[in-house]
Amino acid sequence: MSENELHDLLAELKEQRSGADLVDAEYQQRLDDIVESLEQQRLYPDTFDQYSVLSEQIQGLLDDYREDHPTIDSLLDGITRLLANFRT
């Protein structure tokens, strides 16, 4: 995984998150948890566990809210692909 790619996607995700009108508290919390995990991953890439549930958390959020926030969902899709490439 390119550290720069993850950094760019994470920055864009945080920007979209702060600018989005997210009325669903559960979505906000789940997204915040994912952002926090991604920040930890970016800060400590050598500690990434290939069995991490981060990809599953992202996919679960996408499955539950795909139609509600298409821009954020697109960013999360990109992050999922980066994580998958990192683990192979």
PDB file of N, CA and C in Angstrom:
ATOM      1  N   MET A   1       0.854  -1.169   0.000  1.00  0.00           N
ATOM      2  CA  MET A   1       0.000   0.000   0.000  1.00  0.00           C
ATOM      3  C   MET A   1       0.892   1.222   0.000  1.00  0.00           C
ATOM      4  N   SER A   2       0.535   2.129  -0.802  1.00  0.00           N
ATOM      5  CA  SER A   2       1.273   3.380  -0.829  1.00  0.00           C
ATOM      6  C   SER A   2       0.833   4.236   0.353  1.00  0.00           C
ATOM      7  N   GLU A   3       1.800   4.619   1.145  1.00  0.00           N
ATOM      8  CA  GLU A   3       1.500   5.466   2.296  1.00  0.00           C
ATOM      9  C   GLU A   3       0.901   6.792   1.848  1.00  0.00           C
ATOM     10  N   ASN A   4       1.384   7.298   0.712  1.00  0.00           N
ATOM     11  CA  ASN A   4       0.844   8.553   0.186  1.00  0.00           C
ATOM     12  C   ASN A   4      -0.606   8.400  -0.240  1.00  0.00           C
ATOM     13  N   GLU A   5      -0.935   7.273  -0.870  1.00  0.00           N
ATOM     14  CA  GLU A   5      -2.323   7.048  -1.289  1.00  0.00           C
ATOM     15  C   GLU A   5      -3.250   7.000  -0.085  1.00  0.00           C
ATOM     16  N   LEU A   6      -2.839   6.267   0.949  1.00  0.00           N
ATOM     17  CA  LEU A   6      -3.658   6.181   2.151  1.00  0.00           C
ATOM     18  C   LEU A   6      -3.804   7.554   2.794  1.00  0.00           C
ATOM     19  N   HIS A   7      -2.721   8.294   2.869  1.00  0.00           N
ATOM     20  CA  HIS A   7      -2.767   9.635   3.447  1.00  0.00           C
ATOM     21  C   HIS A   7      -3.747  10.524   2.687  1.00  0.00           C
ATOM     22  N   ASP A   8      -3.670  10.488   1.355  1.00  0.00           N
ATOM     23  CA  ASP A   8      -4.556  11.319   0.531  1.00  0.00           C
ATOM     24  C   ASP A   8      -6.018  10.933   0.703  1.00  0.00           C
ATOM     25  N   LEU A   9      -6.300   9.625   0.686  1.00  0.00           N
ATOM     26  CA  LEU A   9      -7.683   9.172   0.856  1.00  0.00           C
ATOM     27  C   LEU A   9      -8.200   9.505   2.249  1.00  0.00           C
ATOM     28  N   LEU A  10      -7.360   9.338   3.248  1.00  0.00           N
ATOM     29  CA  LEU A  10      -7.764   9.649   4.612  1.00  0.00           C
ATOM     30  C   LEU A  10      -8.054  11.139   4.767  1.00  0.00           C
ATOM     31  N   ALA A  11      -7.209  11.979   4.197  1.00  0.00           N
ATOM     32  CA  ALA A  11      -7.436  13.428   4.266  1.00  0.00           C
ATOM     33  C   ALA A  11      -8.743  13.804   3.573  1.00  0.00           C
ATOM     34  N   GLU A  12      -8.992  13.210   2.418  1.00  0.00           N
ATOM     35  CA  GLU A  12     -10.233  13.511   1.697  1.00  0.00           C
ATOM     36  C   GLU A  12     -11.448  12.986   2.453  1.00  0.00           C
ATOM     37  N   LEU A  13     -11.318  11.807   3.053  1.00  0.00           N
ATOM     38  CA  LEU A  13     -12.412  11.244   3.840  1.00  0.00           C
ATOM     39  C   LEU A  13     -12.737  12.150   5.024  1.00  0.00           C
ATOM     40  N   LYS A  14     -11.725  12.637   5.721  1.00  0.00           N
ATOM     41  CA  LYS A  14     -11.956  13.533   6.856  1.00  0.00           C
ATOM     42  C   LYS A  14     -12.608  14.833   6.406  1.00  0.00           C
ATOM     43  N   GLU A  15     -12.192  15.336   5.255  1.00  0.00           N
ATOM     44  CA  GLU A  15     -12.791  16.561   4.718  1.00  0.00           C
ATOM     45  C   GLU A  15     -14.261  16.333   4.375  1.00  0.00           C
ATOM     46  N   GLN A  16     -14.552  15.230   3.715  1.00  0.00           N
ATOM     47  CA  GLN A  16     -15.937  14.910   3.366  1.00  0.00           C
ATOM     48  C   GLN A  16     -16.768  14.679   4.625  1.00  0.00           C
ATOM     49  N   ARG A  17     -16.179  14.030   5.608  1.00  0.00           N
ATOM     50  CA  ARG A  17     -16.882  13.740   6.862  1.00  0.00           C
ATOM     51  C   ARG A  17     -17.265  15.039   7.565  1.00  0.00           C
ATOM     52  N   SER A  18     -16.352  15.992   7.601  1.00  0.00           N
ATOM     53  CA  SER A  18     -16.641  17.241   8.304  1.00  0.00           C
ATOM     54  C   SER A  18     -17.634  18.105   7.538  1.00  0.00           C
ATOM     55  N   GLY A  19     -17.683  17.956   6.218  1.00  0.00           N
ATOM     56  CA  GLY A  19     -18.586  18.768   5.416  1.00  0.00           C
ATOM     57  C   GLY A  19     -19.930  18.127   5.147  1.00  0.00           C
ATOM     58  N   ALA A  20     -20.067  16.857   5.493  1.00  0.00           N
ATOM     59  CA  ALA A  20     -21.307  16.137   5.201  1.00  0.00           C
ATOM     60  C   ALA A  20     -22.350  16.405   6.277  1.00  0.00           C
ATOM     61  N   ASP A  21     -23.583  16.365   5.860  1.00  0.00           N
ATOM     62  CA  ASP A  21     -24.699  16.506   6.789  1.00  0.00           C
ATOM     63  C   ASP A  21     -25.120  15.101   7.208  1.00  0.00           C
ATOM     64  N   LEU A  22     -24.422  14.570   8.207  1.00  0.00           N
ATOM     65  CA  LEU A  22     -24.676  13.203   8.655  1.00  0.00           C
ATOM     66  C   LEU A  22     -25.608  13.243   9.858  1.00  0.00           C
ATOM     67  N   VAL A  23     -26.839  12.873   9.633  1.00  0.00           N
ATOM     68  CA  VAL A  23     -27.820  12.932  10.710  1.00  0.00           C
ATOM     69  C   VAL A  23     -27.914  11.617  11.468  1.00  0.00           C
ATOM     70  N   ASP A  24     -27.393  10.558  10.900  1.00  0.00           N
ATOM     71  CA  ASP A  24     -27.459   9.253  11.539  1.00  0.00           C
ATOM     72  C   ASP A  24     -26.272   9.102  12.495  1.00  0.00           C
ATOM     73  N   ALA A  25     -26.559   9.076  13.795  1.00  0.00           N
ATOM     74  CA  ALA A  25     -25.502   9.019  14.807  1.00  0.00           C
ATOM     75  C   ALA A  25     -24.691   7.730  14.709  1.00  0.00           C
ATOM     76  N   GLU A  26     -25.346   6.624  14.378  1.00  0.00           N
ATOM     77  CA  GLU A  26     -24.624   5.354  14.257  1.00  0.00           C
ATOM     78  C   GLU A  26     -23.629   5.419  13.097  1.00  0.00           C
ATOM     79  N   TYR A  27     -24.050   5.972  11.970  1.00  0.00           N
ATOM     80  CA  TYR A  27     -23.150   6.125  10.817  1.00  0.00           C
ATOM     81  C   TYR A  27     -21.958   6.994  11.198  1.00  0.00           C
ATOM     82  N   GLN A  28     -22.225   8.108  11.878  1.00  0.00           N
ATOM     83  CA  GLN A  28     -21.146   9.003  12.299  1.00  0.00           C
ATOM     84  C   GLN A  28     -20.146   8.271  13.181  1.00  0.00           C
ATOM     85  N   GLN A  29     -20.644   7.523  14.156  1.00  0.00           N
ATOM     86  CA  GLN A  29     -19.760   6.824  15.080  1.00  0.00           C
ATOM     87  C   GLN A  29     -18.937   5.760  14.362  1.00  0.00           C
ATOM     88  N   ARG A  30     -19.587   4.990  13.509  1.00  0.00           N
ATOM     89  CA  ARG A  30     -18.871   3.947  12.771  1.00  0.00           C
ATOM     90  C   ARG A  30     -17.817   4.560  11.853  1.00  0.00           C
ATOM     91  N   LEU A  31     -18.150   5.655  11.199  1.00  0.00           N
ATOM     92  CA  LEU A  31     -17.194   6.331  10.325  1.00  0.00           C
ATOM     93  C   LEU A  31     -16.033   6.907  11.138  1.00  0.00           C
ATOM     94  N   ASP A  32     -16.334   7.502  12.282  1.00  0.00           N
ATOM     95  CA  ASP A  32     -15.275   8.034  13.145  1.00  0.00           C
ATOM     96  C   ASP A  32     -14.337   6.928  13.617  1.00  0.00           C
ATOM     97  N   ASP A  33     -14.885   5.767  13.963  1.00  0.00           N
ATOM     98  CA  ASP A  33     -14.060   4.631  14.385  1.00  0.00           C
ATOM     99  C   ASP A  33     -13.133   4.179  13.262  1.00  0.00           C
ATOM    100  N   ILE A  34     -13.657   4.143  12.050  1.00  0.00           N
ATOM    101  CA  ILE A  34     -12.851   3.744  10.893  1.00  0.00           C
ATOM    102  C   ILE A  34     -11.745   4.764  10.639  1.00  0.00           C
ATOM    103  N   VAL A  35     -12.082   6.047  10.695  1.00  0.00           N
ATOM    104  CA  VAL A  35     -11.079   7.097  10.486  1.00  0.00           C
ATOM    105  C   VAL A  35      -9.976   6.977  11.542  1.00  0.00           C
ATOM    106  N   GLU A  36     -10.355   6.751  12.783  1.00  0.00           N
ATOM    107  CA  GLU A  36      -9.361   6.605  13.850  1.00  0.00           C
ATOM    108  C   GLU A  36      -8.453   5.402  13.590  1.00  0.00           C
ATOM    109  N   SER A  37      -9.031   4.290  13.178  1.00  0.00           N
ATOM    110  CA  SER A  37      -8.231   3.103  12.864  1.00  0.00           C
ATOM    111  C   SER A  37      -7.288   3.364  11.694  1.00  0.00           C
ATOM    112  N   LEU A  38      -7.772   4.068  10.686  1.00  0.00           N
ATOM    113  CA  LEU A  38      -6.933   4.390   9.531  1.00  0.00           C
ATOM    114  C   LEU A  38      -5.792   5.326   9.918  1.00  0.00           C
ATOM    115  N   GLU A  39      -6.064   6.254  10.821  1.00  0.00           N
ATOM    116  CA  GLU A  39      -5.000   7.143  11.280  1.00  0.00           C
ATOM    117  C   GLU A  39      -3.925   6.349  12.011  1.00  0.00           C
ATOM    118  N   GLN A  40      -4.347   5.388  12.828  1.00  0.00           N
ATOM    119  CA  GLN A  40      -3.379   4.532  13.513  1.00  0.00           C
ATOM    120  C   GLN A  40      -2.580   3.711  12.509  1.00  0.00           C
ATOM    121  N   GLN A  41      -3.257   3.201  11.487  1.00  0.00           N
ATOM    122  CA  GLN A  41      -2.592   2.429  10.441  1.00  0.00           C
ATOM    123  C   GLN A  41      -1.554   3.286   9.724  1.00  0.00           C
ATOM    124  N   ARG A  42      -1.909   4.519   9.452  1.00  0.00           N
ATOM    125  CA  ARG A  42      -0.990   5.416   8.753  1.00  0.00           C
ATOM    126  C   ARG A  42       0.216   5.744   9.629  1.00  0.00           C
ATOM    127  N   LEU A  43      -0.014   5.927  10.925  1.00  0.00           N
ATOM    128  CA  LEU A  43       1.079   6.271  11.831  1.00  0.00           C
ATOM    129  C   LEU A  43       1.993   5.085  12.120  1.00  0.00           C
ATOM    130  N   TYR A  44       1.410   3.884  12.150  1.00  0.00           N
ATOM    131  CA  TYR A  44       2.168   2.679  12.514  1.00  0.00           C
ATOM    132  C   TYR A  44       1.937   1.574  11.490  1.00  0.00           C
ATOM    133  N   PRO A  45       2.401   1.763  10.252  1.00  0.00           N
ATOM    134  CA  PRO A  45       2.104   0.785   9.192  1.00  0.00           C
ATOM    135  C   PRO A  45       2.691  -0.596   9.444  1.00  0.00           C
ATOM    136  N   ASP A  46       3.775  -0.685  10.192  1.00  0.00           N
ATOM    137  CA  ASP A  46       4.397  -1.985  10.436  1.00  0.00           C
ATOM    138  C   ASP A  46       3.600  -2.850  11.399  1.00  0.00           C
ATOM    139  N   THR A  47       2.660  -2.249  12.109  1.00  0.00           N
ATOM    140  CA  THR A  47       1.878  -3.024  13.065  1.00  0.00           C
ATOM    141  C   THR A  47       0.551  -3.490  12.491  1.00  0.00           C
ATOM    142  N   PHE A  48       0.338  -3.246  11.192  1.00  0.00           N
ATOM    143  CA  PHE A  48      -0.924  -3.650  10.577  1.00  0.00           C
ATOM    144  C   PHE A  48      -1.043  -5.160  10.605  1.00  0.00           C
ATOM    145  N   ASP A  49      -2.093  -5.652  11.171  1.00  0.00           N
ATOM    146  CA  ASP A  49      -2.353  -7.083  11.270  1.00  0.00           C
ATOM    147  C   ASP A  49      -3.136  -7.516  10.041  1.00  0.00           C
ATOM    148  N   GLN A  50      -2.614  -8.477   9.320  1.00  0.00           N
ATOM    149  CA  GLN A  50      -3.296  -8.909   8.102  1.00  0.00           C
ATOM    150  C   GLN A  50      -4.679  -9.483   8.393  1.00  0.00           C
ATOM    151  N   TYR A  51      -4.943  -9.817   9.635  1.00  0.00           N
ATOM    152  CA  TYR A  51      -6.261 -10.343   9.991  1.00  0.00           C
ATOM    153  C   TYR A  51      -7.134  -9.269  10.628  1.00  0.00           C
ATOM    154  N   SER A  52      -6.721  -8.047  10.501  1.00  0.00           N
ATOM    155  CA  SER A  52      -7.472  -6.926  11.049  1.00  0.00           C
ATOM    156  C   SER A  52      -8.901  -6.927  10.520  1.00  0.00           C
ATOM    157  N   VAL A  53      -9.797  -6.455  11.334  1.00  0.00           N
ATOM    158  CA  VAL A  53     -11.201  -6.395  10.934  1.00  0.00           C
ATOM    159  C   VAL A  53     -11.545  -5.058  10.282  1.00  0.00           C
ATOM    160  N   LEU A  54     -10.546  -4.220  10.045  1.00  0.00           N
ATOM    161  CA  LEU A  54     -10.808  -2.900   9.473  1.00  0.00           C
ATOM    162  C   LEU A  54     -11.526  -2.992   8.134  1.00  0.00           C
ATOM    163  N   SER A  55     -11.075  -3.867   7.268  1.00  0.00           N
ATOM    164  CA  SER A  55     -11.736  -4.025   5.965  1.00  0.00           C
ATOM    165  C   SER A  55     -13.182  -4.465   6.133  1.00  0.00           C
ATOM    166  N   GLU A  56     -13.414  -5.359   7.092  1.00  0.00           N
ATOM    167  CA  GLU A  56     -14.780  -5.818   7.339  1.00  0.00           C
ATOM    168  C   GLU A  56     -15.647  -4.700   7.904  1.00  0.00           C
ATOM    169  N   GLN A  57     -15.064  -3.856   8.763  1.00  0.00           N
ATOM    170  CA  GLN A  57     -15.814  -2.716   9.302  1.00  0.00           C
ATOM    171  C   GLN A  57     -16.219  -1.765   8.179  1.00  0.00           C
ATOM    172  N   ILE A  58     -15.285  -1.502   7.284  1.00  0.00           N
ATOM    173  CA  ILE A  58     -15.572  -0.607   6.164  1.00  0.00           C
ATOM    174  C   ILE A  58     -16.648  -1.204   5.275  1.00  0.00           C
ATOM    175  N   GLN A  59     -16.515  -2.488   4.961  1.00  0.00           N
ATOM    176  CA  GLN A  59     -17.502  -3.136   4.094  1.00  0.00           C
ATOM    177  C   GLN A  59     -18.878  -3.139   4.743  1.00  0.00           C
ATOM    178  N   GLY A  60     -18.935  -3.367   6.044  1.00  0.00           N
ATOM    179  CA  GLY A  60     -20.212  -3.333   6.750  1.00  0.00           C
ATOM    180  C   GLY A  60     -20.871  -1.967   6.680  1.00  0.00           C
ATOM    181  N   LEU A  61     -20.077  -0.921   6.844  1.00  0.00           N
ATOM    182  CA  LEU A  61     -20.608   0.438   6.742  1.00  0.00           C
ATOM    183  C   LEU A  61     -21.107   0.714   5.331  1.00  0.00           C
ATOM    184  N   LEU A  62     -20.337   0.268   4.336  1.00  0.00           N
ATOM    185  CA  LEU A  62     -20.755   0.451   2.944  1.00  0.00           C
ATOM    186  C   LEU A  62     -22.057  -0.290   2.666  1.00  0.00           C
ATOM    187  N   ASP A  63     -22.156  -1.510   3.138  1.00  0.00           N
ATOM    188  CA  ASP A  63     -23.363  -2.302   2.900  1.00  0.00           C
ATOM    189  C   ASP A  63     -24.596  -1.657   3.521  1.00  0.00           C
ATOM    190  N   ASP A  64     -24.423  -1.075   4.702  1.00  0.00           N
ATOM    191  CA  ASP A  64     -25.559  -0.500   5.420  1.00  0.00           C
ATOM    192  C   ASP A  64     -25.982   0.873   4.904  1.00  0.00           C
ATOM    193  N   TYR A  65     -25.040   1.629   4.323  1.00  0.00           N
ATOM    194  CA  TYR A  65     -25.336   3.027   3.996  1.00  0.00           C
ATOM    195  C   TYR A  65     -24.928   3.434   2.590  1.00  0.00           C
ATOM    196  N   ARG A  66     -24.736   2.506   1.694  1.00  0.00           N
ATOM    197  CA  ARG A  66     -24.185   2.799   0.371  1.00  0.00           C
ATOM    198  C   ARG A  66     -24.942   3.922  -0.344  1.00  0.00           C
ATOM    199  N   GLU A  67     -26.223   3.947  -0.288  1.00  0.00           N
ATOM    200  CA  GLU A  67     -27.014   4.932  -1.039  1.00  0.00           C
ATOM    201  C   GLU A  67     -27.047   6.305  -0.374  1.00  0.00           C
ATOM    202  N   ASP A  68     -26.748   6.365   0.906  1.00  0.00           N
ATOM    203  CA  ASP A  68     -26.914   7.615   1.647  1.00  0.00           C
ATOM    204  C   ASP A  68     -25.791   8.626   1.436  1.00  0.00           C
ATOM    205  N   HIS A  69     -24.570   8.144   1.268  1.00  0.00           N
ATOM    206  CA  HIS A  69     -23.407   9.035   1.204  1.00  0.00           C
ATOM    207  C   HIS A  69     -22.447   8.554   0.118  1.00  0.00           C
ATOM    208  N   PRO A  70     -22.791   8.758  -1.152  1.00  0.00           N
ATOM    209  CA  PRO A  70     -22.003   8.173  -2.249  1.00  0.00           C
ATOM    210  C   PRO A  70     -20.553   8.655  -2.315  1.00  0.00           C
ATOM    211  N   THR A  71     -20.272   9.895  -1.976  1.00  0.00           N
ATOM    212  CA  THR A  71     -18.892  10.377  -2.037  1.00  0.00           C
ATOM    213  C   THR A  71     -18.040   9.703  -0.969  1.00  0.00           C
ATOM    214  N   ILE A  72     -18.551   9.654   0.239  1.00  0.00           N
ATOM    215  CA  ILE A  72     -17.833   8.984   1.321  1.00  0.00           C
ATOM    216  C   ILE A  72     -17.685   7.502   1.000  1.00  0.00           C
ATOM    217  N   ASP A  73     -18.735   6.904   0.478  1.00  0.00           N
ATOM    218  CA  ASP A  73     -18.674   5.482   0.129  1.00  0.00           C
ATOM    219  C   ASP A  73     -17.611   5.212  -0.925  1.00  0.00           C
ATOM    220  N   SER A  74     -17.476   6.097  -1.886  1.00  0.00           N
ATOM    221  CA  SER A  74     -16.452   5.944  -2.920  1.00  0.00           C
ATOM    222  C   SER A  74     -15.053   5.991  -2.306  1.00  0.00           C
ATOM    223  N   LEU A  75     -14.842   6.896  -1.378  1.00  0.00           N
ATOM    224  CA  LEU A  75     -13.553   6.979  -0.690  1.00  0.00           C
ATOM    225  C   LEU A  75     -13.286   5.714   0.117  1.00  0.00           C
ATOM    226  N   LEU A  76     -14.305   5.221   0.804  1.00  0.00           N
ATOM    227  CA  LEU A  76     -14.140   3.997   1.586  1.00  0.00           C
ATOM    228  C   LEU A  76     -13.841   2.803   0.689  1.00  0.00           C
ATOM    229  N   ASP A  77     -14.460   2.755  -0.485  1.00  0.00           N
ATOM    230  CA  ASP A  77     -14.141   1.694  -1.453  1.00  0.00           C
ATOM    231  C   ASP A  77     -12.661   1.740  -1.825  1.00  0.00           C
ATOM    232  N   GLY A  78     -12.146   2.930  -2.077  1.00  0.00           N
ATOM    233  CA  GLY A  78     -10.731   3.082  -2.416  1.00  0.00           C
ATOM    234  C   GLY A  78      -9.821   2.642  -1.282  1.00  0.00           C
ATOM    235  N   ILE A  79     -10.196   2.976  -0.067  1.00  0.00           N
ATOM    236  CA  ILE A  79      -9.409   2.570   1.094  1.00  0.00           C
ATOM    237  C   ILE A  79      -9.430   1.055   1.240  1.00  0.00           C
ATOM    238  N   THR A  80     -10.585   0.439   1.026  1.00  0.00           N
ATOM    239  CA  THR A  80     -10.687  -1.017   1.103  1.00  0.00           C
ATOM    240  C   THR A  80      -9.750  -1.674   0.098  1.00  0.00           C
ATOM    241  N   ARG A  81      -9.700  -1.148  -1.115  1.00  0.00           N
ATOM    242  CA  ARG A  81      -8.793  -1.704  -2.133  1.00  0.00           C
ATOM    243  C   ARG A  81      -7.334  -1.553  -1.712  1.00  0.00           C
ATOM    244  N   LEU A  82      -6.976  -0.406  -1.147  1.00  0.00           N
ATOM    245  CA  LEU A  82      -5.609  -0.213  -0.680  1.00  0.00           C
ATOM    246  C   LEU A  82      -5.258  -1.202   0.426  1.00  0.00           C
ATOM    247  N   LEU A  83      -6.174  -1.397   1.354  1.00  0.00           N
ATOM    248  CA  LEU A  83      -5.918  -2.342   2.436  1.00  0.00           C
ATOM    249  C   LEU A  83      -5.757  -3.758   1.903  1.00  0.00           C
ATOM    250  N   ALA A  84      -6.573  -4.130   0.934  1.00  0.00           N
ATOM    251  CA  ALA A  84      -6.471  -5.471   0.339  1.00  0.00           C
ATOM    252  C   ALA A  84      -5.122  -5.647  -0.351  1.00  0.00           C
ATOM    253  N   ASN A  85      -4.658  -4.633  -1.053  1.00  0.00           N
ATOM    254  CA  ASN A  85      -3.356  -4.702  -1.719  1.00  0.00           C
ATOM    255  C   ASN A  85      -2.225  -4.778  -0.706  1.00  0.00           C
ATOM    256  N   PHE A  86      -2.390  -4.108   0.408  1.00  0.00           N
ATOM    257  CA  PHE A  86      -1.365  -4.099   1.440  1.00  0.00           C
ATOM    258  C   PHE A  86      -1.207  -5.483   2.057  1.00  0.00           C
ATOM    259  N   ARG A  87      -2.315  -6.186   2.184  1.00  0.00           N
ATOM    260  CA  ARG A  87      -2.287  -7.488   2.844  1.00  0.00           C
ATOM    261  C   ARG A  87      -1.785  -8.604   1.955  1.00  0.00           C
ATOM    262  N   THR A  88      -1.689  -8.374   0.644  1.00  0.00           N
ATOM    263  CA  THR A  88      -1.254  -9.461  -0.232  1.00  0.00           C
ATOM    264  C   THR A  88       0.235  -9.461  -0.415  1.00  0.00           C
TER     265      THR A  88
END
